[in-house]
Amino acid sequence: MRTFCLFLLLPLVAGAQFPPPSLSGVLLERDADATSGQFAIRDSDNQVYRYIFDAKTAVDRDGFTVNIERLTPGDKLQVDSDAVPGSLLRYARVVHAAPLPPANLTYSDSRFRTPTRSILERAPNLGTITFAGVVSRLNSGTLVLHTRSGLQTLIIRTDTRYVDNGDTVEAAELRPNMRVFIRAGKNLYEQLEAYQVIWGSILEPKR
């Protein structure tokens, strides 16, 4: 009887382990290594599937090729995959990422403020949580901030903005040991995401 029950469960187990060749879902997690590794997505039926990726995996968003390291938890993906002989995982051949939603403009947006306001007041209302401190560690996906209350880890988004003395700059300008002000918010998984990172003389104490 037990053998018969296990036989009935085999199709369900196989279905859970092997996703279809093309599947849409939400990215749950991804290995930090941008050249190869695994990632997991959850489909509309709340099934979780894992895929293998490498340097040949093609990733695009809005019709443009992007690096897989720019994908963050919560992104909506469509994965076209191939079977891998001898493996329970499928190989992600092509990953299509859904366009990022446009930022909602409110009266607090900088385009509705007078130029006499400070850069902190003119910043877009991208998050309701703020942090100030010194950058302790930094990589392509996360930022660890040393604050008065201890270390705080934030996820770096693909659209995180970087502002140096009022000017928008590239992410490469941000380095460890810099004193910064961060506007952040929580995603669907209650993880903190950095929407805007500000540094420069605006943060220096007045004398």
N, C-alpha and C. Protein backbone atom coordinates (compact mmCIF):
# COMPACT_ATOMS: atom_id res chain seq x y z
N MET A 1 0.84 -1.21 0.00
CA MET A 1 0.00 0.00 0.00
C MET A 1 0.87 1.25 0.00
N ARG A 2 1.95 1.23 0.83
CA ARG A 2 2.84 2.39 0.89
C ARG A 2 3.51 2.62 -0.45
N THR A 3 3.93 1.51 -1.10
CA THR A 3 4.56 1.63 -2.42
C THR A 3 3.60 2.23 -3.43
N PHE A 4 2.34 1.84 -3.36
CA PHE A 4 1.33 2.37 -4.28
C PHE A 4 1.13 3.87 -4.09
N CYS A 5 1.12 4.34 -2.82
CA CYS A 5 0.96 5.78 -2.54
C CYS A 5 2.14 6.58 -3.05
N LEU A 6 3.34 6.03 -2.86
CA LEU A 6 4.52 6.73 -3.37
C LEU A 6 4.48 6.82 -4.89
N PHE A 7 3.97 5.76 -5.53
CA PHE A 7 3.87 5.77 -6.98
C PHE A 7 2.92 6.87 -7.45
N LEU A 8 1.83 7.09 -6.71
CA LEU A 8 0.89 8.15 -7.07
C LEU A 8 1.48 9.53 -6.88
N LEU A 9 2.40 9.69 -5.91
CA LEU A 9 2.97 11.00 -5.63
C LEU A 9 4.10 11.36 -6.58
N LEU A 10 4.66 10.39 -7.28
CA LEU A 10 5.80 10.69 -8.16
C LEU A 10 5.52 11.75 -9.20
N PRO A 11 4.37 11.75 -9.89
CA PRO A 11 4.10 12.81 -10.88
C PRO A 11 4.06 14.18 -10.25
N LEU A 12 3.52 14.28 -9.00
CA LEU A 12 3.46 15.58 -8.34
C LEU A 12 4.84 16.07 -7.99
N VAL A 13 5.69 15.19 -7.49
CA VAL A 13 7.06 15.57 -7.14
C VAL A 13 7.82 16.00 -8.38
N ALA A 14 7.66 15.22 -9.46
CA ALA A 14 8.37 15.57 -10.69
C ALA A 14 7.93 16.92 -11.21
N GLY A 15 6.61 17.20 -11.11
CA GLY A 15 6.12 18.48 -11.58
C GLY A 15 6.66 19.63 -10.78
N ALA A 16 6.85 19.42 -9.46
CA ALA A 16 7.36 20.49 -8.61
C ALA A 16 8.83 20.76 -8.86
N GLN A 17 9.58 19.70 -9.24
CA GLN A 17 11.02 19.85 -9.43
C GLN A 17 11.37 20.35 -10.83
N PHE A 18 10.55 20.02 -11.81
CA PHE A 18 10.86 20.38 -13.18
C PHE A 18 9.84 21.39 -13.70
N PRO A 19 10.20 22.67 -13.78
CA PRO A 19 9.28 23.66 -14.33
C PRO A 19 9.13 23.48 -15.83
N PRO A 20 8.11 24.06 -16.44
CA PRO A 20 7.95 23.98 -17.89
C PRO A 20 9.05 24.76 -18.59
N PRO A 21 9.23 24.53 -19.90
CA PRO A 21 10.30 25.24 -20.64
C PRO A 21 10.20 26.75 -20.56
N SER A 22 8.98 27.29 -20.44
CA SER A 22 8.79 28.73 -20.31
C SER A 22 7.88 28.99 -19.12
N LEU A 23 8.33 29.83 -18.19
CA LEU A 23 7.59 30.05 -16.96
C LEU A 23 7.73 31.50 -16.52
N SER A 24 6.63 32.07 -16.02
CA SER A 24 6.64 33.43 -15.49
C SER A 24 6.47 33.38 -13.98
N GLY A 25 7.16 34.28 -13.28
CA GLY A 25 7.06 34.33 -11.83
C GLY A 25 7.81 35.51 -11.26
N VAL A 26 7.94 35.50 -9.94
CA VAL A 26 8.61 36.58 -9.21
C VAL A 26 9.93 36.06 -8.66
N LEU A 27 10.99 36.82 -8.86
CA LEU A 27 12.30 36.41 -8.36
C LEU A 27 12.32 36.44 -6.83
N LEU A 28 12.69 35.32 -6.23
CA LEU A 28 12.79 35.22 -4.77
C LEU A 28 14.21 35.46 -4.27
N GLU A 29 15.19 34.84 -4.93
CA GLU A 29 16.57 34.99 -4.52
C GLU A 29 17.48 34.65 -5.69
N ARG A 30 18.73 35.11 -5.59
CA ARG A 30 19.72 34.88 -6.65
C ARG A 30 21.09 34.80 -6.01
N ASP A 31 21.93 33.88 -6.50
CA ASP A 31 23.30 33.81 -6.01
C ASP A 31 24.01 35.12 -6.32
N ALA A 32 24.88 35.54 -5.39
CA ALA A 32 25.57 36.82 -5.55
C ALA A 32 26.53 36.82 -6.72
N ASP A 33 27.09 35.67 -7.06
CA ASP A 33 28.03 35.59 -8.18
C ASP A 33 27.29 35.89 -9.48
N ALA A 34 27.75 36.93 -10.18
CA ALA A 34 27.04 37.37 -11.39
C ALA A 34 27.37 36.52 -12.61
N THR A 35 28.38 35.65 -12.54
CA THR A 35 28.80 34.88 -13.71
C THR A 35 28.12 33.52 -13.79
N SER A 36 27.83 32.91 -12.66
CA SER A 36 27.17 31.61 -12.67
C SER A 36 26.57 31.33 -11.30
N GLY A 37 25.59 30.43 -11.28
CA GLY A 37 24.96 30.09 -10.00
C GLY A 37 23.53 29.66 -10.20
N GLN A 38 22.68 29.97 -9.21
CA GLN A 38 21.29 29.59 -9.26
C GLN A 38 20.40 30.76 -8.83
N PHE A 39 19.16 30.72 -9.27
CA PHE A 39 18.15 31.65 -8.76
C PHE A 39 16.83 30.92 -8.66
N ALA A 40 15.93 31.48 -7.85
CA ALA A 40 14.62 30.85 -7.61
C ALA A 40 13.52 31.84 -7.91
N ILE A 41 12.43 31.35 -8.52
CA ILE A 41 11.26 32.18 -8.78
C ILE A 41 10.01 31.46 -8.27
N ARG A 42 8.98 32.24 -7.97
CA ARG A 42 7.69 31.71 -7.53
C ARG A 42 6.65 32.05 -8.57
N ASP A 43 5.91 31.04 -9.03
CA ASP A 43 4.92 31.30 -10.08
C ASP A 43 3.58 31.69 -9.46
N SER A 44 2.56 31.85 -10.30
CA SER A 44 1.24 32.33 -9.84
C SER A 44 0.55 31.31 -8.95
N ASP A 45 0.98 30.04 -9.00
CA ASP A 45 0.40 29.00 -8.14
C ASP A 45 1.21 28.81 -6.86
N ASN A 46 2.13 29.76 -6.60
CA ASN A 46 2.98 29.71 -5.41
C ASN A 46 3.94 28.53 -5.40
N GLN A 47 4.21 27.96 -6.58
CA GLN A 47 5.24 26.94 -6.71
C GLN A 47 6.59 27.63 -6.88
N VAL A 48 7.61 27.10 -6.23
CA VAL A 48 8.95 27.68 -6.30
C VAL A 48 9.84 26.77 -7.14
N TYR A 49 10.53 27.36 -8.10
CA TYR A 49 11.43 26.62 -8.98
C TYR A 49 12.80 27.27 -8.98
N ARG A 50 13.82 26.44 -9.10
CA ARG A 50 15.20 26.93 -9.13
C ARG A 50 15.80 26.66 -10.51
N TYR A 51 16.65 27.59 -10.95
CA TYR A 51 17.30 27.49 -12.25
C TYR A 51 18.80 27.67 -12.10
N ILE A 52 19.52 27.12 -13.05
CA ILE A 52 20.96 27.35 -13.16
C ILE A 52 21.19 28.43 -14.20
N PHE A 53 22.13 29.34 -13.93
CA PHE A 53 22.49 30.34 -14.94
C PHE A 53 24.01 30.41 -15.04
N ASP A 54 24.49 30.94 -16.17
CA ASP A 54 25.92 31.16 -16.35
C ASP A 54 26.11 32.39 -17.22
N ALA A 55 27.34 32.61 -17.66
CA ALA A 55 27.66 33.81 -18.43
C ALA A 55 26.94 33.86 -19.78
N LYS A 56 26.45 32.73 -20.27
CA LYS A 56 25.75 32.69 -21.55
C LYS A 56 24.25 32.94 -21.41
N THR A 57 23.74 32.99 -20.18
CA THR A 57 22.32 33.28 -19.98
C THR A 57 22.02 34.71 -20.44
N ALA A 58 21.06 34.84 -21.34
CA ALA A 58 20.70 36.17 -21.88
C ALA A 58 19.61 36.79 -21.00
N VAL A 59 19.86 38.02 -20.56
CA VAL A 59 18.91 38.73 -19.70
C VAL A 59 18.56 40.06 -20.34
N ASP A 60 17.29 40.39 -20.44
CA ASP A 60 16.90 41.67 -21.03
C ASP A 60 15.77 42.30 -20.23
N ARG A 61 15.71 43.64 -20.30
CA ARG A 61 14.64 44.42 -19.67
C ARG A 61 14.36 45.61 -20.58
N ASP A 62 13.10 45.84 -20.89
CA ASP A 62 12.70 46.94 -21.78
C ASP A 62 13.40 46.87 -23.13
N GLY A 63 13.72 45.65 -23.59
CA GLY A 63 14.36 45.50 -24.88
C GLY A 63 15.87 45.70 -24.85
N PHE A 64 16.46 45.95 -23.69
CA PHE A 64 17.89 46.18 -23.56
C PHE A 64 18.52 45.03 -22.78
N THR A 65 19.72 44.65 -23.20
CA THR A 65 20.46 43.61 -22.49
C THR A 65 21.01 44.16 -21.18
N VAL A 66 20.80 43.41 -20.10
CA VAL A 66 21.29 43.82 -18.79
C VAL A 66 22.05 42.65 -18.17
N ASN A 67 22.85 42.95 -17.16
CA ASN A 67 23.56 41.91 -16.41
C ASN A 67 22.60 41.27 -15.43
N ILE A 68 22.78 39.98 -15.20
CA ILE A 68 21.89 39.27 -14.28
C ILE A 68 22.03 39.80 -12.87
N GLU A 69 23.17 40.44 -12.55
CA GLU A 69 23.35 41.01 -11.22
C GLU A 69 22.41 42.19 -10.96
N ARG A 70 21.79 42.73 -12.01
CA ARG A 70 20.85 43.84 -11.83
C ARG A 70 19.46 43.36 -11.46
N LEU A 71 19.24 42.04 -11.47
CA LEU A 71 17.95 41.51 -11.05
C LEU A 71 17.91 41.44 -9.53
N THR A 72 16.81 41.89 -8.94
CA THR A 72 16.68 41.90 -7.48
C THR A 72 15.39 41.19 -7.08
N PRO A 73 15.34 40.66 -5.85
CA PRO A 73 14.12 40.00 -5.39
C PRO A 73 12.90 40.90 -5.57
N GLY A 74 11.83 40.30 -6.09
CA GLY A 74 10.61 41.05 -6.36
C GLY A 74 10.42 41.35 -7.83
N ASP A 75 11.49 41.23 -8.65
CA ASP A 75 11.36 41.45 -10.09
C ASP A 75 10.48 40.36 -10.70
N LYS A 76 9.62 40.76 -11.66
CA LYS A 76 8.79 39.81 -12.38
C LYS A 76 9.58 39.31 -13.60
N LEU A 77 9.70 37.99 -13.73
CA LEU A 77 10.52 37.40 -14.77
C LEU A 77 9.75 36.39 -15.60
N GLN A 78 10.18 36.24 -16.85
CA GLN A 78 9.77 35.11 -17.68
C GLN A 78 11.05 34.37 -18.05
N VAL A 79 11.11 33.09 -17.73
CA VAL A 79 12.32 32.31 -17.92
C VAL A 79 12.08 31.25 -18.98
N ASP A 80 12.91 31.26 -20.04
CA ASP A 80 12.92 30.20 -21.04
C ASP A 80 14.11 29.31 -20.72
N SER A 81 13.84 28.03 -20.51
CA SER A 81 14.89 27.16 -19.99
C SER A 81 15.02 25.87 -20.78
N ASP A 82 16.14 25.18 -20.57
CA ASP A 82 16.43 23.89 -21.19
C ASP A 82 16.71 22.87 -20.09
N ALA A 83 16.41 21.62 -20.38
CA ALA A 83 16.70 20.55 -19.44
C ALA A 83 18.21 20.34 -19.34
N VAL A 84 18.67 19.97 -18.16
CA VAL A 84 20.09 19.67 -17.93
C VAL A 84 20.20 18.18 -17.60
N PRO A 85 20.84 17.39 -18.45
CA PRO A 85 20.94 15.95 -18.19
C PRO A 85 21.54 15.66 -16.81
N GLY A 86 20.85 14.81 -16.07
CA GLY A 86 21.35 14.40 -14.77
C GLY A 86 21.12 15.39 -13.65
N SER A 87 20.37 16.48 -13.92
CA SER A 87 20.14 17.50 -12.90
C SER A 87 18.64 17.69 -12.69
N LEU A 88 18.26 18.01 -11.45
CA LEU A 88 16.86 18.31 -11.16
C LEU A 88 16.52 19.75 -11.52
N LEU A 89 17.51 20.56 -11.83
CA LEU A 89 17.30 21.96 -12.18
C LEU A 89 17.36 22.13 -13.70
N ARG A 90 16.72 23.18 -14.19
CA ARG A 90 16.78 23.51 -15.61
C ARG A 90 17.74 24.68 -15.81
N TYR A 91 18.29 24.76 -17.00
CA TYR A 91 19.23 25.83 -17.35
C TYR A 91 18.45 27.02 -17.90
N ALA A 92 18.63 28.21 -17.27
CA ALA A 92 17.97 29.43 -17.74
C ALA A 92 18.71 29.95 -18.97
N ARG A 93 18.08 29.77 -20.13
CA ARG A 93 18.69 30.20 -21.39
C ARG A 93 18.43 31.68 -21.65
N VAL A 94 17.18 32.12 -21.43
CA VAL A 94 16.80 33.51 -21.64
C VAL A 94 15.93 33.95 -20.46
N VAL A 95 16.21 35.14 -19.93
CA VAL A 95 15.42 35.70 -18.84
C VAL A 95 14.89 37.07 -19.28
N HIS A 96 13.57 37.20 -19.35
CA HIS A 96 12.95 38.48 -19.69
C HIS A 96 12.44 39.12 -18.39
N ALA A 97 12.96 40.29 -18.05
CA ALA A 97 12.54 40.99 -16.84
C ALA A 97 11.49 42.04 -17.20
N ALA A 98 10.43 42.11 -16.41
CA ALA A 98 9.37 43.09 -16.66
C ALA A 98 9.91 44.50 -16.42
N PRO A 99 9.41 45.49 -17.17
CA PRO A 99 9.85 46.89 -16.96
C PRO A 99 9.62 47.33 -15.53
N LEU A 100 10.52 48.18 -15.04
CA LEU A 100 10.36 48.72 -13.70
C LEU A 100 9.20 49.72 -13.70
N PRO A 101 8.38 49.73 -12.67
CA PRO A 101 7.25 50.67 -12.63
C PRO A 101 7.77 52.10 -12.51
N PRO A 102 7.14 53.06 -13.19
CA PRO A 102 7.58 54.45 -13.08
C PRO A 102 7.35 55.00 -11.69
N ALA A 103 8.21 55.89 -11.28
CA ALA A 103 8.06 56.50 -9.95
C ALA A 103 6.83 57.40 -9.94
N ASN A 104 6.03 57.32 -8.89
CA ASN A 104 4.86 58.18 -8.75
C ASN A 104 5.29 59.57 -8.30
N LEU A 105 4.84 60.59 -9.00
CA LEU A 105 5.19 61.96 -8.65
C LEU A 105 4.18 62.53 -7.66
N THR A 106 4.68 63.18 -6.63
CA THR A 106 3.82 63.85 -5.66
C THR A 106 4.30 65.28 -5.52
N TYR A 107 3.59 66.06 -4.72
CA TYR A 107 3.99 67.45 -4.52
C TYR A 107 5.37 67.55 -3.90
N SER A 108 5.78 66.50 -3.18
CA SER A 108 7.10 66.53 -2.55
C SER A 108 8.21 66.26 -3.55
N ASP A 109 7.87 65.90 -4.80
CA ASP A 109 8.91 65.67 -5.79
C ASP A 109 9.68 66.95 -6.06
N SER A 110 10.96 66.79 -6.41
CA SER A 110 11.84 67.96 -6.59
C SER A 110 11.35 68.89 -7.70
N ARG A 111 10.62 68.37 -8.67
CA ARG A 111 10.17 69.23 -9.78
C ARG A 111 9.09 70.21 -9.35
N PHE A 112 8.51 70.02 -8.15
CA PHE A 112 7.50 70.93 -7.65
C PHE A 112 8.04 71.82 -6.53
N ARG A 113 9.36 71.79 -6.28
CA ARG A 113 9.94 72.57 -5.20
C ARG A 113 10.73 73.75 -5.76
N THR A 114 10.91 74.75 -4.94
CA THR A 114 11.69 75.90 -5.36
C THR A 114 13.17 75.58 -5.26
N PRO A 115 14.02 76.21 -6.09
CA PRO A 115 15.44 75.90 -6.08
C PRO A 115 16.16 76.33 -4.81
N THR A 116 15.50 77.07 -3.93
CA THR A 116 16.17 77.51 -2.71
C THR A 116 16.15 76.46 -1.62
N ARG A 117 15.37 75.36 -1.80
CA ARG A 117 15.31 74.32 -0.80
C ARG A 117 16.60 73.50 -0.81
N SER A 118 16.92 72.89 0.31
CA SER A 118 18.12 72.07 0.39
C SER A 118 17.94 70.80 -0.42
N ILE A 119 19.05 70.11 -0.73
CA ILE A 119 18.98 68.90 -1.54
C ILE A 119 18.19 67.81 -0.83
N LEU A 120 18.24 67.77 0.52
CA LEU A 120 17.49 66.76 1.24
C LEU A 120 15.99 67.02 1.14
N GLU A 121 15.58 68.29 1.11
CA GLU A 121 14.16 68.62 1.00
C GLU A 121 13.66 68.41 -0.42
N ARG A 122 14.55 68.61 -1.41
CA ARG A 122 14.14 68.48 -2.80
C ARG A 122 14.10 67.03 -3.26
N ALA A 123 14.64 66.11 -2.47
CA ALA A 123 14.73 64.71 -2.90
C ALA A 123 13.34 64.13 -3.13
N PRO A 124 13.17 63.30 -4.18
CA PRO A 124 11.87 62.69 -4.43
C PRO A 124 11.42 61.84 -3.24
N ASN A 125 10.12 61.78 -3.05
CA ASN A 125 9.56 61.02 -1.94
C ASN A 125 9.53 59.55 -2.32
N LEU A 126 10.72 58.92 -2.33
CA LEU A 126 10.83 57.54 -2.76
C LEU A 126 10.71 56.56 -1.61
N GLY A 127 10.85 57.01 -0.38
CA GLY A 127 10.78 56.09 0.74
C GLY A 127 10.46 56.83 2.03
N THR A 128 9.87 56.11 2.95
CA THR A 128 9.48 56.72 4.21
C THR A 128 10.47 56.43 5.33
N ILE A 129 11.53 55.64 5.02
CA ILE A 129 12.53 55.28 6.02
C ILE A 129 13.85 55.94 5.64
N THR A 130 14.52 56.57 6.60
CA THR A 130 15.79 57.24 6.32
C THR A 130 16.87 56.71 7.26
N PHE A 131 18.10 56.70 6.75
CA PHE A 131 19.26 56.28 7.53
C PHE A 131 20.40 57.26 7.26
N ALA A 132 21.25 57.43 8.26
CA ALA A 132 22.47 58.22 8.12
C ALA A 132 23.60 57.45 8.77
N GLY A 133 24.74 57.42 8.12
CA GLY A 133 25.87 56.69 8.69
C GLY A 133 27.01 56.60 7.70
N VAL A 134 27.92 55.67 7.97
CA VAL A 134 29.12 55.48 7.16
C VAL A 134 29.02 54.13 6.46
N VAL A 135 29.34 54.11 5.15
CA VAL A 135 29.29 52.87 4.38
C VAL A 135 30.36 51.93 4.90
N SER A 136 29.92 50.77 5.41
CA SER A 136 30.85 49.79 5.95
C SER A 136 31.30 48.79 4.89
N ARG A 137 30.34 48.21 4.17
CA ARG A 137 30.64 47.27 3.09
C ARG A 137 29.72 47.57 1.91
N LEU A 138 30.20 47.21 0.71
CA LEU A 138 29.45 47.56 -0.50
C LEU A 138 29.75 46.54 -1.58
N ASN A 139 28.68 46.02 -2.23
CA ASN A 139 28.85 45.21 -3.43
C ASN A 139 27.73 45.53 -4.40
N SER A 140 27.62 44.74 -5.47
CA SER A 140 26.66 45.08 -6.52
C SER A 140 25.21 44.93 -6.09
N GLY A 141 24.97 44.17 -5.01
CA GLY A 141 23.60 43.93 -4.62
C GLY A 141 23.17 44.48 -3.28
N THR A 142 24.13 44.73 -2.38
CA THR A 142 23.78 45.20 -1.04
C THR A 142 24.75 46.27 -0.56
N LEU A 143 24.28 47.03 0.42
CA LEU A 143 25.06 48.07 1.07
C LEU A 143 24.90 47.90 2.57
N VAL A 144 26.01 47.83 3.29
CA VAL A 144 25.97 47.72 4.75
C VAL A 144 26.38 49.06 5.33
N LEU A 145 25.48 49.65 6.11
CA LEU A 145 25.69 51.00 6.66
C LEU A 145 25.94 50.90 8.17
N HIS A 146 26.98 51.60 8.62
CA HIS A 146 27.27 51.67 10.05
C HIS A 146 26.57 52.90 10.62
N THR A 147 25.52 52.67 11.39
CA THR A 147 24.74 53.75 11.99
C THR A 147 25.00 53.80 13.50
N ARG A 148 24.40 54.78 14.15
CA ARG A 148 24.57 54.90 15.60
C ARG A 148 23.99 53.70 16.33
N SER A 149 22.98 53.07 15.75
CA SER A 149 22.35 51.93 16.40
C SER A 149 22.93 50.59 15.96
N GLY A 150 23.97 50.63 15.08
CA GLY A 150 24.59 49.39 14.64
C GLY A 150 24.61 49.28 13.13
N LEU A 151 24.92 48.07 12.64
CA LEU A 151 25.00 47.83 11.20
C LEU A 151 23.61 47.62 10.61
N GLN A 152 23.38 48.20 9.45
CA GLN A 152 22.10 48.08 8.75
C GLN A 152 22.36 47.69 7.30
N THR A 153 21.77 46.57 6.85
CA THR A 153 21.96 46.10 5.48
C THR A 153 20.78 46.52 4.61
N LEU A 154 21.07 47.08 3.43
CA LEU A 154 20.03 47.51 2.49
C LEU A 154 20.31 46.90 1.13
N ILE A 155 19.24 46.56 0.42
CA ILE A 155 19.37 46.05 -0.95
C ILE A 155 19.51 47.23 -1.91
N ILE A 156 20.44 47.12 -2.85
CA ILE A 156 20.61 48.14 -3.88
C ILE A 156 19.73 47.77 -5.08
N ARG A 157 18.84 48.66 -5.47
CA ARG A 157 17.93 48.43 -6.58
C ARG A 157 18.59 48.80 -7.91
N THR A 158 17.96 48.34 -9.00
CA THR A 158 18.46 48.72 -10.32
C THR A 158 18.26 50.21 -10.58
N ASP A 159 17.28 50.84 -9.88
CA ASP A 159 17.02 52.26 -10.10
C ASP A 159 17.43 53.12 -8.90
N THR A 160 18.28 52.58 -8.02
CA THR A 160 18.78 53.39 -6.90
C THR A 160 19.52 54.61 -7.45
N ARG A 161 19.22 55.80 -6.89
CA ARG A 161 19.84 57.04 -7.34
C ARG A 161 20.97 57.43 -6.41
N TYR A 162 22.03 57.99 -6.97
CA TYR A 162 23.19 58.41 -6.21
C TYR A 162 23.41 59.90 -6.44
N VAL A 163 23.48 60.68 -5.36
CA VAL A 163 23.57 62.14 -5.45
C VAL A 163 24.80 62.61 -4.68
N ASP A 164 25.69 63.31 -5.37
CA ASP A 164 26.90 63.87 -4.76
C ASP A 164 26.82 65.39 -4.83
N ASN A 165 26.62 66.04 -3.65
CA ASN A 165 26.53 67.49 -3.60
C ASN A 165 25.46 68.05 -4.54
N GLY A 166 24.36 67.34 -4.65
CA GLY A 166 23.24 67.81 -5.47
C GLY A 166 23.25 67.33 -6.90
N ASP A 167 24.32 66.67 -7.33
CA ASP A 167 24.41 66.18 -8.71
C ASP A 167 24.24 64.67 -8.75
N THR A 168 23.44 64.19 -9.68
CA THR A 168 23.27 62.75 -9.86
C THR A 168 24.54 62.16 -10.47
N VAL A 169 25.07 61.11 -9.86
CA VAL A 169 26.31 60.48 -10.32
C VAL A 169 26.10 58.99 -10.48
N GLU A 170 27.14 58.31 -11.00
CA GLU A 170 27.07 56.87 -11.20
C GLU A 170 27.30 56.14 -9.88
N ALA A 171 26.85 54.88 -9.84
CA ALA A 171 26.99 54.07 -8.62
C ALA A 171 28.44 53.88 -8.23
N ALA A 172 29.35 53.89 -9.22
CA ALA A 172 30.77 53.67 -8.93
C ALA A 172 31.37 54.77 -8.06
N GLU A 173 30.69 55.92 -7.98
CA GLU A 173 31.21 57.02 -7.16
C GLU A 173 31.03 56.75 -5.66
N LEU A 174 30.13 55.84 -5.33
CA LEU A 174 29.92 55.51 -3.92
C LEU A 174 30.96 54.49 -3.48
N ARG A 175 31.64 54.76 -2.38
CA ARG A 175 32.72 53.89 -1.90
C ARG A 175 32.62 53.70 -0.40
N PRO A 176 33.25 52.64 0.12
CA PRO A 176 33.25 52.40 1.57
C PRO A 176 33.86 53.59 2.33
N ASN A 177 33.44 53.74 3.58
CA ASN A 177 33.93 54.78 4.50
C ASN A 177 33.38 56.16 4.19
N MET A 178 32.42 56.27 3.24
CA MET A 178 31.81 57.55 2.95
C MET A 178 30.59 57.75 3.86
N ARG A 179 30.41 58.98 4.36
CA ARG A 179 29.24 59.31 5.17
C ARG A 179 28.08 59.64 4.23
N VAL A 180 26.95 58.96 4.40
CA VAL A 180 25.84 59.10 3.46
C VAL A 180 24.52 59.25 4.21
N PHE A 181 23.53 59.73 3.47
CA PHE A 181 22.14 59.80 3.92
C PHE A 181 21.34 58.97 2.93
N ILE A 182 20.48 58.06 3.43
CA ILE A 182 19.78 57.12 2.55
C ILE A 182 18.27 57.20 2.79
N ARG A 183 17.53 57.32 1.69
CA ARG A 183 16.08 57.17 1.72
C ARG A 183 15.78 55.74 1.28
N ALA A 184 14.97 55.04 2.07
CA ALA A 184 14.74 53.63 1.81
C ALA A 184 13.28 53.27 2.02
N GLY A 185 12.94 52.06 1.66
CA GLY A 185 11.59 51.53 1.87
C GLY A 185 11.67 50.02 1.89
N LYS A 186 10.55 49.36 2.23
CA LYS A 186 10.51 47.91 2.30
C LYS A 186 9.81 47.34 1.08
N ASN A 187 10.34 46.20 0.58
CA ASN A 187 9.68 45.53 -0.55
C ASN A 187 8.65 44.54 -0.04
N LEU A 188 8.14 43.70 -0.94
CA LEU A 188 7.08 42.76 -0.57
C LEU A 188 7.55 41.73 0.45
N TYR A 189 8.87 41.55 0.56
CA TYR A 189 9.42 40.55 1.48
C TYR A 189 9.97 41.20 2.74
N GLU A 190 9.53 42.46 3.00
CA GLU A 190 9.94 43.19 4.20
C GLU A 190 11.45 43.43 4.24
N GLN A 191 12.09 43.44 3.08
CA GLN A 191 13.51 43.75 3.01
C GLN A 191 13.69 45.24 2.73
N LEU A 192 14.69 45.84 3.35
CA LEU A 192 14.95 47.26 3.14
C LEU A 192 15.68 47.47 1.81
N GLU A 193 15.17 48.42 1.01
CA GLU A 193 15.78 48.75 -0.28
C GLU A 193 16.19 50.21 -0.28
N ALA A 194 17.39 50.49 -0.78
CA ALA A 194 17.88 51.87 -0.86
C ALA A 194 17.36 52.51 -2.15
N TYR A 195 16.53 53.55 -2.01
CA TYR A 195 16.01 54.25 -3.19
C TYR A 195 16.92 55.42 -3.59
N GLN A 196 17.55 56.06 -2.61
CA GLN A 196 18.39 57.21 -2.91
C GLN A 196 19.51 57.30 -1.88
N VAL A 197 20.74 57.47 -2.38
CA VAL A 197 21.91 57.59 -1.51
C VAL A 197 22.54 58.96 -1.77
N ILE A 198 22.68 59.77 -0.72
CA ILE A 198 23.15 61.15 -0.85
C ILE A 198 24.40 61.33 -0.01
N TRP A 199 25.38 62.04 -0.56
CA TRP A 199 26.57 62.38 0.21
C TRP A 199 27.13 63.72 -0.27
N GLY A 200 28.13 64.19 0.43
CA GLY A 200 28.75 65.47 0.06
C GLY A 200 28.72 66.45 1.21
N SER A 201 29.03 67.71 0.92
CA SER A 201 29.14 68.74 1.95
C SER A 201 27.80 69.01 2.63
N ILE A 202 26.67 68.64 1.98
CA ILE A 202 25.36 68.86 2.57
C ILE A 202 25.20 68.10 3.88
N LEU A 203 25.99 67.01 4.04
CA LEU A 203 25.87 66.20 5.23
C LEU A 203 26.88 66.57 6.31
N GLU A 204 27.80 67.46 6.00
CA GLU A 204 28.80 67.87 6.98
C GLU A 204 28.16 68.78 8.02
N PRO A 205 28.51 68.62 9.31
CA PRO A 205 27.92 69.48 10.34
C PRO A 205 28.29 70.93 10.15
N LYS A 206 27.32 71.83 10.41
CA LYS A 206 27.56 73.26 10.27
C LYS A 206 28.41 73.76 11.43
N ARG A 207 29.27 74.71 11.13
CA ARG A 207 30.16 75.28 12.15
C ARG A 207 29.75 76.72 12.48
